[in-house]
Amino acid sequence: MKVMVLERPGSRLREEERPLPEPGPGEVRVRVQACGVCRTDLHVVDGELPDLGRAVVPGHQIVGSVEAAGSGVLGLAVGERVGIPWLGGTCGRCKFCLTERENLCAGAVFTGYTRDGGFAEHAIADARFCFPIPEGYGDREAAPLLCAGLIGYRSLRLAGEAERLGLYGFGAAAHIVIQLARREGRQVFAFTRPGDQEAQDFALSLGASWAGASGTTPPAPLDAAILFAPAGELVPMALAAVDRGGVVVCAGIHMSDIPSFPYRLLWEERALRSVANLTRRDAWEFLALAPKVPVKTEVESFPLAAANEALDRLRSGRVRGAVVLEPS
């Protein structure tokens, strides 16, 4: 099978031919039909996450069909279409796993990082962390639901009941979250890179009440803000934009350093919190909700061999919606 391999952080992915892998106990082998390209993949490729000291196949927004199952697999049939997200397995025994906080498990494994992912023709996955894809979604349209959608959903829940919601960084996750927020009757304010009129127009077309450059004062105080852009300098800006009692949610796995800021920006019971990974409950809830909204994803597709080009496009911000690789 063909895979795109990261030999070491900072290098270009290299195409490689590998033997077809066999699933172990509790695992399935999936024929990859589409795999989303995520900013987390950039953090892995660019060395912004800890170096594992070995080669890895990135990709964690996998849509594919089950080809083979190892012993002990229950609830998944050969031929079934499934999605495989970032959280690829947990210990199931620690205090976090036992209290529905498996996203914080110290023994977790991550698809496309600590285990090989979906920039490949086939992938091995823990069957417990595979999810049925809702009907009505094509493979490429479903792929962004598995990280952009899931992390966006978790971030929105942690933002509370905010009526006026700010989204900083209008990419794959934000273009899904705005659809969830608008369905709930929230007002959305979109913040983009200065001068990115295309992204601002995209946000307005999806129902944003206002769109402008990051650092601009919105027309009304926000009740909450979600930061999808991995830029620490946005944190003080977002705190300044939220009203008393508001919350700022940092949704990325990596962010540049947050500069010092005066306590008055945090005072009056404002809160600053992060989102870590996802839980299986998030996946079940969101994948049941998505077709009811209905969430529509806008994607740009690349062949597997063009993975480096797809990453370059995402790195430069020249993407409307989400980027997806299709091995076939």
C-alpha atoms as a PDB file:
ATOM      1  CA  MET A   1       0.000   0.000   0.000  1.00  0.00           C
ATOM      2  CA  LYS A   2       1.065   3.600  -0.534  1.00  0.00           C
ATOM      3  CA  VAL A   3       1.662   5.878   2.458  1.00  0.00           C
ATOM      4  CA  MET A   4       2.982   9.414   2.915  1.00  0.00           C
ATOM      5  CA  VAL A   5       5.625   9.285   5.649  1.00  0.00           C
ATOM      6  CA  LEU A   6       7.092  12.002   7.859  1.00  0.00           C
ATOM      7  CA  GLU A   7      10.668  10.822   8.506  1.00  0.00           C
ATOM      8  CA  ARG A   8      11.463  13.652  10.919  1.00  0.00           C
ATOM      9  CA  PRO A   9       9.797  16.941  11.941  1.00  0.00           C
ATOM     10  CA  GLY A  10      10.427  19.746   9.495  1.00  0.00           C
ATOM     11  CA  SER A  11      10.928  17.459   6.505  1.00  0.00           C
ATOM     12  CA  ARG A  12       8.681  16.936   3.509  1.00  0.00           C
ATOM     13  CA  LEU A  13       6.478  13.844   3.473  1.00  0.00           C
ATOM     14  CA  ARG A  14       7.856  11.007   1.371  1.00  0.00           C
ATOM     15  CA  GLU A  15       5.778   8.501  -0.601  1.00  0.00           C
ATOM     16  CA  GLU A  16       6.537   4.922   0.408  1.00  0.00           C
ATOM     17  CA  GLU A  17       5.246   1.460  -0.450  1.00  0.00           C
ATOM     18  CA  ARG A  18       4.482  -0.757   2.561  1.00  0.00           C
ATOM     19  CA  PRO A  19       3.015  -4.232   3.057  1.00  0.00           C
ATOM     20  CA  LEU A  20      -0.695  -4.367   3.803  1.00  0.00           C
ATOM     21  CA  PRO A  21      -0.986  -4.354   7.628  1.00  0.00           C
ATOM     22  CA  GLU A  22      -2.987  -6.943   9.561  1.00  0.00           C
ATOM     23  CA  PRO A  23      -5.239  -5.849  12.442  1.00  0.00           C
ATOM     24  CA  GLY A  24      -4.411  -7.119  15.902  1.00  0.00           C
ATOM     25  CA  PRO A  25      -6.873  -7.990  18.692  1.00  0.00           C
ATOM     26  CA  GLY A  26      -9.535  -5.304  18.989  1.00  0.00           C
ATOM     27  CA  GLU A  27      -8.376  -3.584  15.799  1.00  0.00           C
ATOM     28  CA  VAL A  28      -9.749  -3.119  12.308  1.00  0.00           C
ATOM     29  CA  ARG A  29      -8.074  -2.415   8.997  1.00  0.00           C
ATOM     30  CA  VAL A  30      -9.779   0.351   7.063  1.00  0.00           C
ATOM     31  CA  ARG A  31      -9.435   1.166   3.381  1.00  0.00           C
ATOM     32  CA  VAL A  32      -9.001   4.941   3.438  1.00  0.00           C
ATOM     33  CA  GLN A  33     -11.410   6.736   1.117  1.00  0.00           C
ATOM     34  CA  ALA A  34     -10.715  10.265   2.381  1.00  0.00           C
ATOM     35  CA  CYS A  35      -8.590  11.879   5.071  1.00  0.00           C
ATOM     36  CA  GLY A  36      -8.878  15.480   6.160  1.00  0.00           C
ATOM     37  CA  VAL A  37      -5.764  17.633   6.476  1.00  0.00           C
ATOM     38  CA  CYS A  38      -5.810  19.459   9.788  1.00  0.00           C
ATOM     39  CA  ARG A  39      -3.778  22.152  11.494  1.00  0.00           C
ATOM     40  CA  THR A  40      -2.753  19.492  14.006  1.00  0.00           C
ATOM     41  CA  ASP A  41      -1.101  17.663  11.097  1.00  0.00           C
ATOM     42  CA  LEU A  42       0.882  20.849  10.514  1.00  0.00           C
ATOM     43  CA  HIS A  43       1.928  20.917  14.171  1.00  0.00           C
ATOM     44  CA  VAL A  44       3.180  17.323  13.800  1.00  0.00           C
ATOM     45  CA  VAL A  45       4.943  17.935  10.471  1.00  0.00           C
ATOM     46  CA  ASP A  46       6.454  21.280  11.500  1.00  0.00           C
ATOM     47  CA  GLY A  47       7.784  19.916  14.809  1.00  0.00           C
ATOM     48  CA  GLU A  48       5.561  21.985  17.093  1.00  0.00           C
ATOM     49  CA  LEU A  49       4.550  18.853  19.009  1.00  0.00           C
ATOM     50  CA  PRO A  50       7.159  16.717  20.827  1.00  0.00           C
ATOM     51  CA  ASP A  51       9.339  14.700  18.456  1.00  0.00           C
ATOM     52  CA  LEU A  52       8.635  10.976  18.841  1.00  0.00           C
ATOM     53  CA  GLY A  53      12.006  10.045  17.378  1.00  0.00           C
ATOM     54  CA  ARG A  54      10.538   7.823  14.682  1.00  0.00           C
ATOM     55  CA  ALA A  55       8.794   8.086  11.324  1.00  0.00           C
ATOM     56  CA  VAL A  56       5.013   8.528  11.317  1.00  0.00           C
ATOM     57  CA  VAL A  57       2.160   8.572   8.816  1.00  0.00           C
ATOM     58  CA  PRO A  58       0.083  11.694   9.641  1.00  0.00           C
ATOM     59  CA  GLY A  59      -3.663  12.122   9.220  1.00  0.00           C
ATOM     60  CA  HIS A  60      -6.495  11.791  11.728  1.00  0.00           C
ATOM     61  CA  GLN A  61      -9.737  12.687   9.957  1.00  0.00           C
ATOM     62  CA  ILE A  62     -10.158   9.315   8.278  1.00  0.00           C
ATOM     63  CA  VAL A  63     -13.215   8.085   6.424  1.00  0.00           C
ATOM     64  CA  GLY A  64     -13.036   4.547   5.080  1.00  0.00           C
ATOM     65  CA  SER A  65     -14.582   1.098   4.929  1.00  0.00           C
ATOM     66  CA  VAL A  66     -13.734  -1.789   7.252  1.00  0.00           C
ATOM     67  CA  GLU A  67     -11.735  -4.416   5.337  1.00  0.00           C
ATOM     68  CA  ALA A  68     -10.695  -6.794   8.105  1.00  0.00           C
ATOM     69  CA  ALA A  69     -11.170  -7.183  11.848  1.00  0.00           C
ATOM     70  CA  GLY A  70      -8.976  -8.692  14.529  1.00  0.00           C
ATOM     71  CA  SER A  71     -10.184 -10.925  17.318  1.00  0.00           C
ATOM     72  CA  GLY A  72     -12.595  -9.478  19.854  1.00  0.00           C
ATOM     73  CA  VAL A  73     -14.016  -6.748  17.622  1.00  0.00           C
ATOM     74  CA  LEU A  74     -17.696  -6.176  18.301  1.00  0.00           C
ATOM     75  CA  GLY A  75     -20.191  -3.902  16.588  1.00  0.00           C
ATOM     76  CA  LEU A  76     -18.298  -3.318  13.332  1.00  0.00           C
ATOM     77  CA  ALA A  77     -18.872  -5.311  10.163  1.00  0.00           C
ATOM     78  CA  VAL A  78     -16.647  -5.728   7.123  1.00  0.00           C
ATOM     79  CA  GLY A  79     -17.763  -3.186   4.526  1.00  0.00           C
ATOM     80  CA  GLU A  80     -19.109  -0.703   7.088  1.00  0.00           C
ATOM     81  CA  ARG A  81     -18.121   2.929   6.552  1.00  0.00           C
ATOM     82  CA  VAL A  82     -16.476   4.456   9.602  1.00  0.00           C
ATOM     83  CA  GLY A  83     -14.668   7.562  10.758  1.00  0.00           C
ATOM     84  CA  ILE A  84     -11.432   7.550  12.747  1.00  0.00           C
ATOM     85  CA  PRO A  85     -10.555  10.697  14.759  1.00  0.00           C
ATOM     86  CA  TRP A  86      -7.482  12.078  16.563  1.00  0.00           C
ATOM     87  CA  LEU A  87      -8.113  10.190  19.811  1.00  0.00           C
ATOM     88  CA  GLY A  88      -7.116   6.670  18.801  1.00  0.00           C
ATOM     89  CA  GLY A  89      -7.251   4.833  22.142  1.00  0.00           C
ATOM     90  CA  THR A  90      -7.094   5.212  25.920  1.00  0.00           C
ATOM     91  CA  CYS A  91      -6.196   3.061  28.905  1.00  0.00           C
ATOM     92  CA  GLY A  92      -9.820   2.790  30.095  1.00  0.00           C
ATOM     93  CA  ARG A  93      -8.710   2.483  33.734  1.00  0.00           C
ATOM     94  CA  CYS A  94      -7.452   5.856  34.986  1.00  0.00           C
ATOM     95  CA  LYS A  95      -9.538   8.396  36.906  1.00  0.00           C
ATOM     96  CA  PHE A  96     -10.088  10.396  33.727  1.00  0.00           C
ATOM     97  CA  CYS A  97     -11.311   7.433  31.677  1.00  0.00           C
ATOM     98  CA  LEU A  98     -13.618   6.371  34.504  1.00  0.00           C
ATOM     99  CA  THR A  99     -15.222   9.828  34.794  1.00  0.00           C
ATOM    100  CA  GLU A 100     -16.001  10.536  31.102  1.00  0.00           C
ATOM    101  CA  ARG A 101     -12.805  12.588  30.708  1.00  0.00           C
ATOM    102  CA  GLU A 102     -10.899  10.107  28.568  1.00  0.00           C
ATOM    103  CA  ASN A 103      -9.594  13.035  26.519  1.00  0.00           C
ATOM    104  CA  LEU A 104      -7.195  13.668  29.435  1.00  0.00           C
ATOM    105  CA  CYS A 105      -5.918  10.079  29.729  1.00  0.00           C
ATOM    106  CA  ALA A 106      -2.124  10.029  30.128  1.00  0.00           C
ATOM    107  CA  GLY A 107      -2.010   6.715  28.257  1.00  0.00           C
ATOM    108  CA  ALA A 108      -3.948   7.943  25.220  1.00  0.00           C
ATOM    109  CA  VAL A 109      -2.715   7.245  21.707  1.00  0.00           C
ATOM    110  CA  PHE A 110      -3.324   9.648  18.837  1.00  0.00           C
ATOM    111  CA  THR A 111      -4.054   8.840  15.223  1.00  0.00           C
ATOM    112  CA  GLY A 112      -1.467  10.267  12.851  1.00  0.00           C
ATOM    113  CA  TYR A 113       0.956  11.010  15.679  1.00  0.00           C
ATOM    114  CA  THR A 114       1.612   8.220  18.185  1.00  0.00           C
ATOM    115  CA  ARG A 115       0.083   5.692  15.795  1.00  0.00           C
ATOM    116  CA  ASP A 116       0.118   5.812  12.003  1.00  0.00           C
ATOM    117  CA  GLY A 117      -2.770   7.688  10.456  1.00  0.00           C
ATOM    118  CA  GLY A 118      -4.708   8.212   7.271  1.00  0.00           C
ATOM    119  CA  PHE A 119      -2.282   9.741   4.779  1.00  0.00           C
ATOM    120  CA  ALA A 120      -2.300   6.240   3.332  1.00  0.00           C
ATOM    121  CA  GLU A 121      -4.353   3.788   1.324  1.00  0.00           C
ATOM    122  CA  HIS A 122      -5.076   1.685   4.435  1.00  0.00           C
ATOM    123  CA  ALA A 123      -5.014   2.335   8.187  1.00  0.00           C
ATOM    124  CA  ILE A 124      -5.200   0.268  11.371  1.00  0.00           C
ATOM    125  CA  ALA A 125      -7.455   1.557  14.172  1.00  0.00           C
ATOM    126  CA  ASP A 126      -8.783   0.568  17.578  1.00  0.00           C
ATOM    127  CA  ALA A 127     -12.337  -0.569  16.814  1.00  0.00           C
ATOM    128  CA  ARG A 128     -13.641   1.163  19.975  1.00  0.00           C
ATOM    129  CA  PHE A 129     -12.603   4.507  18.510  1.00  0.00           C
ATOM    130  CA  CYS A 130     -14.258   4.110  15.108  1.00  0.00           C
ATOM    131  CA  PHE A 131     -17.612   5.765  14.478  1.00  0.00           C
ATOM    132  CA  PRO A 132     -20.334   5.205  11.872  1.00  0.00           C
ATOM    133  CA  ILE A 133     -20.514   8.044   9.340  1.00  0.00           C
ATOM    134  CA  PRO A 134     -23.983   9.623   9.016  1.00  0.00           C
ATOM    135  CA  GLU A 135     -25.862   8.958   5.822  1.00  0.00           C
ATOM    136  CA  GLY A 136     -26.035  11.821   3.359  1.00  0.00           C
ATOM    137  CA  TYR A 137     -22.329  12.692   3.562  1.00  0.00           C
ATOM    138  CA  GLY A 138     -19.872  11.768   0.839  1.00  0.00           C
ATOM    139  CA  ASP A 139     -16.465  10.559   1.975  1.00  0.00           C
ATOM    140  CA  ARG A 140     -14.680  13.851   1.336  1.00  0.00           C
ATOM    141  CA  GLU A 141     -17.485  15.913   2.900  1.00  0.00           C
ATOM    142  CA  ALA A 142     -17.504  13.708   6.009  1.00  0.00           C
ATOM    143  CA  ALA A 143     -13.759  13.847   6.683  1.00  0.00           C
ATOM    144  CA  PRO A 144     -13.676  17.354   8.288  1.00  0.00           C
ATOM    145  CA  LEU A 145     -16.388  16.302  10.739  1.00  0.00           C
ATOM    146  CA  LEU A 146     -13.845  14.063  12.494  1.00  0.00           C
ATOM    147  CA  CYS A 147     -11.637  16.814  13.927  1.00  0.00           C
ATOM    148  CA  ALA A 148     -12.699  20.256  12.748  1.00  0.00           C
ATOM    149  CA  GLY A 149     -16.244  19.243  13.627  1.00  0.00           C
ATOM    150  CA  LEU A 150     -15.532  17.342  16.836  1.00  0.00           C
ATOM    151  CA  ILE A 151     -13.122  19.882  18.333  1.00  0.00           C
ATOM    152  CA  GLY A 152     -15.442  22.685  17.213  1.00  0.00           C
ATOM    153  CA  TYR A 153     -18.371  20.953  18.896  1.00  0.00           C
ATOM    154  CA  ARG A 154     -16.474  20.452  22.156  1.00  0.00           C
ATOM    155  CA  SER A 155     -15.269  24.068  22.067  1.00  0.00           C
ATOM    156  CA  LEU A 156     -18.800  25.347  21.573  1.00  0.00           C
ATOM    157  CA  ARG A 157     -20.046  23.329  24.547  1.00  0.00           C
ATOM    158  CA  LEU A 158     -17.252  24.757  26.730  1.00  0.00           C
ATOM    159  CA  ALA A 159     -18.196  28.271  25.615  1.00  0.00           C
ATOM    160  CA  GLY A 160     -21.457  27.833  27.532  1.00  0.00           C
ATOM    161  CA  GLU A 161     -24.694  29.565  26.607  1.00  0.00           C
ATOM    162  CA  ALA A 162     -23.031  32.566  25.003  1.00  0.00           C
ATOM    163  CA  GLU A 163     -25.485  34.569  22.925  1.00  0.00           C
ATOM    164  CA  ARG A 164     -22.741  36.615  21.210  1.00  0.00           C
ATOM    165  CA  LEU A 165     -19.920  34.325  20.135  1.00  0.00           C
ATOM    166  CA  GLY A 166     -16.579  35.358  18.635  1.00  0.00           C
ATOM    167  CA  LEU A 167     -14.627  32.967  16.390  1.00  0.00           C
ATOM    168  CA  TYR A 168     -10.942  33.805  15.914  1.00  0.00           C
ATOM    169  CA  GLY A 169      -9.515  32.117  12.824  1.00  0.00           C
ATOM    170  CA  PHE A 170     -12.116  31.256  10.216  1.00  0.00           C
ATOM    171  CA  GLY A 171     -10.964  27.935   8.813  1.00  0.00           C
ATOM    172  CA  ALA A 172     -12.226  24.355   8.791  1.00  0.00           C
ATOM    173  CA  ALA A 173     -13.443  24.256  12.408  1.00  0.00           C
ATOM    174  CA  ALA A 174     -15.028  27.711  12.415  1.00  0.00           C
ATOM    175  CA  HIS A 175     -16.953  27.063   9.203  1.00  0.00           C
ATOM    176  CA  ILE A 176     -18.615  24.120  10.984  1.00  0.00           C
ATOM    177  CA  VAL A 177     -19.056  25.764  14.385  1.00  0.00           C
ATOM    178  CA  ILE A 178     -20.851  28.761  12.901  1.00  0.00           C
ATOM    179  CA  GLN A 179     -23.492  26.408  11.519  1.00  0.00           C
ATOM    180  CA  LEU A 180     -24.035  24.843  14.956  1.00  0.00           C
ATOM    181  CA  ALA A 181     -24.120  28.251  16.645  1.00  0.00           C
ATOM    182  CA  ARG A 182     -26.577  29.754  14.170  1.00  0.00           C
ATOM    183  CA  ARG A 183     -28.899  26.764  14.600  1.00  0.00           C
ATOM    184  CA  GLU A 184     -28.925  27.511  18.336  1.00  0.00           C
ATOM    185  CA  GLY A 185     -29.823  31.149  17.652  1.00  0.00           C
ATOM    186  CA  ARG A 186     -26.456  32.618  18.610  1.00  0.00           C
ATOM    187  CA  GLN A 187     -24.938  35.711  17.052  1.00  0.00           C
ATOM    188  CA  VAL A 188     -21.515  35.016  15.554  1.00  0.00           C
ATOM    189  CA  PHE A 189     -18.670  37.514  15.109  1.00  0.00           C
ATOM    190  CA  ALA A 190     -15.835  36.272  12.879  1.00  0.00           C
ATOM    191  CA  PHE A 191     -12.222  37.434  13.265  1.00  0.00           C
ATOM    192  CA  THR A 192      -9.732  36.731  10.479  1.00  0.00           C
ATOM    193  CA  ARG A 193      -6.217  37.649   9.462  1.00  0.00           C
ATOM    194  CA  PRO A 194      -6.003  41.369   8.624  1.00  0.00           C
ATOM    195  CA  GLY A 195      -6.861  41.902   4.988  1.00  0.00           C
ATOM    196  CA  ASP A 196      -8.367  38.457   4.438  1.00  0.00           C
ATOM    197  CA  GLN A 197     -11.531  39.684   2.785  1.00  0.00           C
ATOM    198  CA  GLU A 198     -12.252  36.267   1.275  1.00  0.00           C
ATOM    199  CA  ALA A 199     -12.453  34.644   4.723  1.00  0.00           C
ATOM    200  CA  GLN A 200     -14.605  37.498   6.012  1.00  0.00           C
ATOM    201  CA  ASP A 201     -16.976  37.164   3.066  1.00  0.00           C
ATOM    202  CA  PHE A 202     -17.098  33.397   3.655  1.00  0.00           C
ATOM    203  CA  ALA A 203     -18.075  33.951   7.299  1.00  0.00           C
ATOM    204  CA  LEU A 204     -20.794  36.431   6.349  1.00  0.00           C
ATOM    205  CA  SER A 205     -22.167  33.995   3.761  1.00  0.00           C
ATOM    206  CA  LEU A 206     -22.563  31.408   6.540  1.00  0.00           C
ATOM    207  CA  GLY A 207     -24.534  33.769   8.753  1.00  0.00           C
ATOM    208  CA  ALA A 208     -21.991  35.783  10.735  1.00  0.00           C
ATOM    209  CA  SER A 209     -23.430  39.058  12.008  1.00  0.00           C
ATOM    210  CA  TRP A 210     -20.077  40.757  11.564  1.00  0.00           C
ATOM    211  CA  ALA A 211     -16.622  39.891  10.231  1.00  0.00           C
ATOM    212  CA  GLY A 212     -13.378  41.802  10.660  1.00  0.00           C
ATOM    213  CA  ALA A 213      -9.683  41.570  11.365  1.00  0.00           C
ATOM    214  CA  SER A 214      -8.329  40.088  14.586  1.00  0.00           C
ATOM    215  CA  GLY A 215      -7.584  42.929  16.975  1.00  0.00           C
ATOM    216  CA  THR A 216     -10.585  44.916  15.770  1.00  0.00           C
ATOM    217  CA  THR A 217     -13.155  45.785  18.411  1.00  0.00           C
ATOM    218  CA  PRO A 218     -16.425  43.997  17.579  1.00  0.00           C
ATOM    219  CA  PRO A 219     -19.625  46.070  17.406  1.00  0.00           C
ATOM    220  CA  ALA A 220     -20.874  44.526  20.686  1.00  0.00           C
ATOM    221  CA  PRO A 221     -19.163  42.869  23.670  1.00  0.00           C
ATOM    222  CA  LEU A 222     -18.852  39.098  23.273  1.00  0.00           C
ATOM    223  CA  ASP A 223     -20.211  36.591  25.760  1.00  0.00           C
ATOM    224  CA  ALA A 224     -17.575  34.062  24.696  1.00  0.00           C
ATOM    225  CA  ALA A 225     -14.800  33.634  22.171  1.00  0.00           C
ATOM    226  CA  ILE A 226     -13.235  30.520  20.653  1.00  0.00           C
ATOM    227  CA  LEU A 227      -9.678  30.734  19.341  1.00  0.00           C
ATOM    228  CA  PHE A 228      -8.963  28.351  16.471  1.00  0.00           C
ATOM    229  CA  ALA A 229      -5.928  30.279  15.255  1.00  0.00           C
ATOM    230  CA  PRO A 230      -2.778  29.030  17.101  1.00  0.00           C
ATOM    231  CA  ALA A 231      -1.578  32.554  17.854  1.00  0.00           C
ATOM    232  CA  GLY A 232      -1.012  33.349  21.531  1.00  0.00           C
ATOM    233  CA  GLU A 233      -1.212  37.112  20.898  1.00  0.00           C
ATOM    234  CA  LEU A 234      -4.936  36.661  20.229  1.00  0.00           C
ATOM    235  CA  VAL A 235      -5.639  35.685  23.844  1.00  0.00           C
ATOM    236  CA  PRO A 236      -5.383  39.223  25.311  1.00  0.00           C
ATOM    237  CA  MET A 237      -7.346  40.548  22.320  1.00  0.00           C
ATOM    238  CA  ALA A 238     -10.137  38.051  22.929  1.00  0.00           C
ATOM    239  CA  LEU A 239     -10.199  38.757  26.682  1.00  0.00           C
ATOM    240  CA  ALA A 240     -10.534  42.458  25.884  1.00  0.00           C
ATOM    241  CA  ALA A 241     -13.450  41.691  23.562  1.00  0.00           C
ATOM    242  CA  VAL A 242     -15.497  39.545  25.965  1.00  0.00           C
ATOM    243  CA  ASP A 243     -17.935  41.042  28.432  1.00  0.00           C
ATOM    244  CA  ARG A 244     -17.834  40.572  32.213  1.00  0.00           C
ATOM    245  CA  GLY A 245     -18.252  36.899  33.095  1.00  0.00           C
ATOM    246  CA  GLY A 246     -17.250  35.876  29.577  1.00  0.00           C
ATOM    247  CA  VAL A 247     -15.082  32.911  28.616  1.00  0.00           C
ATOM    248  CA  VAL A 248     -12.253  32.555  26.104  1.00  0.00           C
ATOM    249  CA  VAL A 249     -11.711  28.997  24.832  1.00  0.00           C
ATOM    250  CA  CYS A 250      -8.376  28.058  23.219  1.00  0.00           C
ATOM    251  CA  ALA A 251      -9.254  25.209  20.875  1.00  0.00           C
ATOM    252  CA  GLY A 252      -5.876  24.136  19.481  1.00  0.00           C
ATOM    253  CA  ILE A 253      -3.420  21.480  20.623  1.00  0.00           C
ATOM    254  CA  HIS A 254      -0.573  23.970  20.164  1.00  0.00           C
ATOM    255  CA  MET A 255      -0.364  27.745  20.434  1.00  0.00           C
ATOM    256  CA  SER A 256       2.479  30.227  20.302  1.00  0.00           C
ATOM    257  CA  ASP A 257       3.381  31.819  23.629  1.00  0.00           C
ATOM    258  CA  ILE A 258       0.748  34.042  25.178  1.00  0.00           C
ATOM    259  CA  PRO A 259       2.188  37.490  25.901  1.00  0.00           C
ATOM    260  CA  SER A 260       1.809  39.015  29.341  1.00  0.00           C
ATOM    261  CA  PHE A 261      -1.331  41.061  29.823  1.00  0.00           C
ATOM    262  CA  PRO A 262      -2.778  43.207  32.626  1.00  0.00           C
ATOM    263  CA  TYR A 263      -4.943  41.480  35.209  1.00  0.00           C
ATOM    264  CA  ARG A 264      -7.800  43.848  34.387  1.00  0.00           C
ATOM    265  CA  LEU A 265      -8.413  41.850  31.167  1.00  0.00           C
ATOM    266  CA  LEU A 266      -9.124  38.738  33.234  1.00  0.00           C
ATOM    267  CA  TRP A 267     -10.839  40.496  36.120  1.00  0.00           C
ATOM    268  CA  GLU A 268     -14.639  40.641  36.506  1.00  0.00           C
ATOM    269  CA  GLU A 269     -14.873  36.854  36.396  1.00  0.00           C
ATOM    270  CA  ARG A 270     -13.699  36.332  32.866  1.00  0.00           C
ATOM    271  CA  ALA A 271     -12.351  32.821  32.294  1.00  0.00           C
ATOM    272  CA  LEU A 272      -9.635  31.398  30.069  1.00  0.00           C
ATOM    273  CA  ARG A 273      -9.628  27.687  29.307  1.00  0.00           C
ATOM    274  CA  SER A 274      -8.360  25.149  26.785  1.00  0.00           C
ATOM    275  CA  VAL A 275      -9.799  22.224  24.888  1.00  0.00           C
ATOM    276  CA  ALA A 276      -7.851  18.958  24.902  1.00  0.00           C
ATOM    277  CA  ASN A 277      -8.599  16.296  22.324  1.00  0.00           C
ATOM    278  CA  LEU A 278     -12.136  14.851  22.347  1.00  0.00           C
ATOM    279  CA  THR A 279     -14.154  12.046  23.899  1.00  0.00           C
ATOM    280  CA  ARG A 280     -16.153   9.273  22.283  1.00  0.00           C
ATOM    281  CA  ARG A 281     -19.252  10.888  23.730  1.00  0.00           C
ATOM    282  CA  ASP A 282     -18.402  14.060  21.774  1.00  0.00           C
ATOM    283  CA  ALA A 283     -18.229  11.953  18.611  1.00  0.00           C
ATOM    284  CA  TRP A 284     -21.518  10.168  19.172  1.00  0.00           C
ATOM    285  CA  GLU A 285     -23.334  13.414  20.006  1.00  0.00           C
ATOM    286  CA  PHE A 286     -21.877  15.486  17.189  1.00  0.00           C
ATOM    287  CA  LEU A 287     -22.215  12.853  14.463  1.00  0.00           C
ATOM    288  CA  ALA A 288     -25.871  12.429  15.452  1.00  0.00           C
ATOM    289  CA  LEU A 289     -26.410  16.202  15.405  1.00  0.00           C
ATOM    290  CA  ALA A 290     -24.580  17.040  12.165  1.00  0.00           C
ATOM    291  CA  PRO A 291     -27.205  15.735   9.716  1.00  0.00           C
ATOM    292  CA  LYS A 292     -30.004  17.421  11.680  1.00  0.00           C
ATOM    293  CA  VAL A 293     -28.518  20.918  11.365  1.00  0.00           C
ATOM    294  CA  PRO A 294     -27.562  19.969   8.640  1.00  0.00           C
ATOM    295  CA  VAL A 295     -23.841  20.743   8.775  1.00  0.00           C
ATOM    296  CA  LYS A 296     -22.429  21.245   5.295  1.00  0.00           C
ATOM    297  CA  THR A 297     -18.680  21.156   4.771  1.00  0.00           C
ATOM    298  CA  GLU A 298     -16.836  22.955   2.008  1.00  0.00           C
ATOM    299  CA  VAL A 299     -13.760  20.998   0.963  1.00  0.00           C
ATOM    300  CA  GLU A 300     -10.864  21.186  -1.445  1.00  0.00           C
ATOM    301  CA  SER A 301      -9.599  17.754  -2.489  1.00  0.00           C
ATOM    302  CA  PHE A 302      -6.055  16.580  -3.325  1.00  0.00           C
ATOM    303  CA  PRO A 303      -4.699  13.150  -4.314  1.00  0.00           C
ATOM    304  CA  LEU A 304      -2.661  11.315  -1.687  1.00  0.00           C
ATOM    305  CA  ALA A 305       0.619  11.974  -3.499  1.00  0.00           C
ATOM    306  CA  ALA A 306      -0.034  15.738  -3.237  1.00  0.00           C
ATOM    307  CA  ALA A 307      -0.075  15.697   0.580  1.00  0.00           C
ATOM    308  CA  ASN A 308       2.823  18.170   0.768  1.00  0.00           C
ATOM    309  CA  GLU A 309       0.987  20.606  -1.504  1.00  0.00           C
ATOM    310  CA  ALA A 310      -2.148  20.282   0.630  1.00  0.00           C
ATOM    311  CA  LEU A 311      -0.133  21.007   3.783  1.00  0.00           C
ATOM    312  CA  ASP A 312       1.468  24.017   2.111  1.00  0.00           C
ATOM    313  CA  ARG A 313      -1.942  25.406   1.194  1.00  0.00           C
ATOM    314  CA  LEU A 314      -3.167  25.011   4.764  1.00  0.00           C
ATOM    315  CA  ARG A 315       0.038  26.482   6.213  1.00  0.00           C
ATOM    316  CA  SER A 316      -0.327  29.604   4.069  1.00  0.00           C
ATOM    317  CA  GLY A 317      -4.004  30.057   4.949  1.00  0.00           C
ATOM    318  CA  ARG A 318      -5.059  29.755   1.287  1.00  0.00           C
ATOM    319  CA  VAL A 319      -7.985  27.452   2.036  1.00  0.00           C
ATOM    320  CA  ARG A 320     -11.722  28.051   1.989  1.00  0.00           C
ATOM    321  CA  GLY A 321     -13.245  25.522   4.359  1.00  0.00           C
ATOM    322  CA  ALA A 322     -11.281  22.270   4.700  1.00  0.00           C
ATOM    323  CA  VAL A 323      -8.622  20.285   2.811  1.00  0.00           C
ATOM    324  CA  VAL A 324      -9.016  16.563   2.150  1.00  0.00           C
ATOM    325  CA  LEU A 325      -6.750  13.869   0.659  1.00  0.00           C
ATOM    326  CA  GLU A 326      -8.314  11.106  -1.436  1.00  0.00           C
ATOM    327  CA  PRO A 327      -6.105   8.042  -1.988  1.00  0.00           C
ATOM    328  CA  SER A 328      -8.161   6.791  -4.947  1.00  0.00           C
END
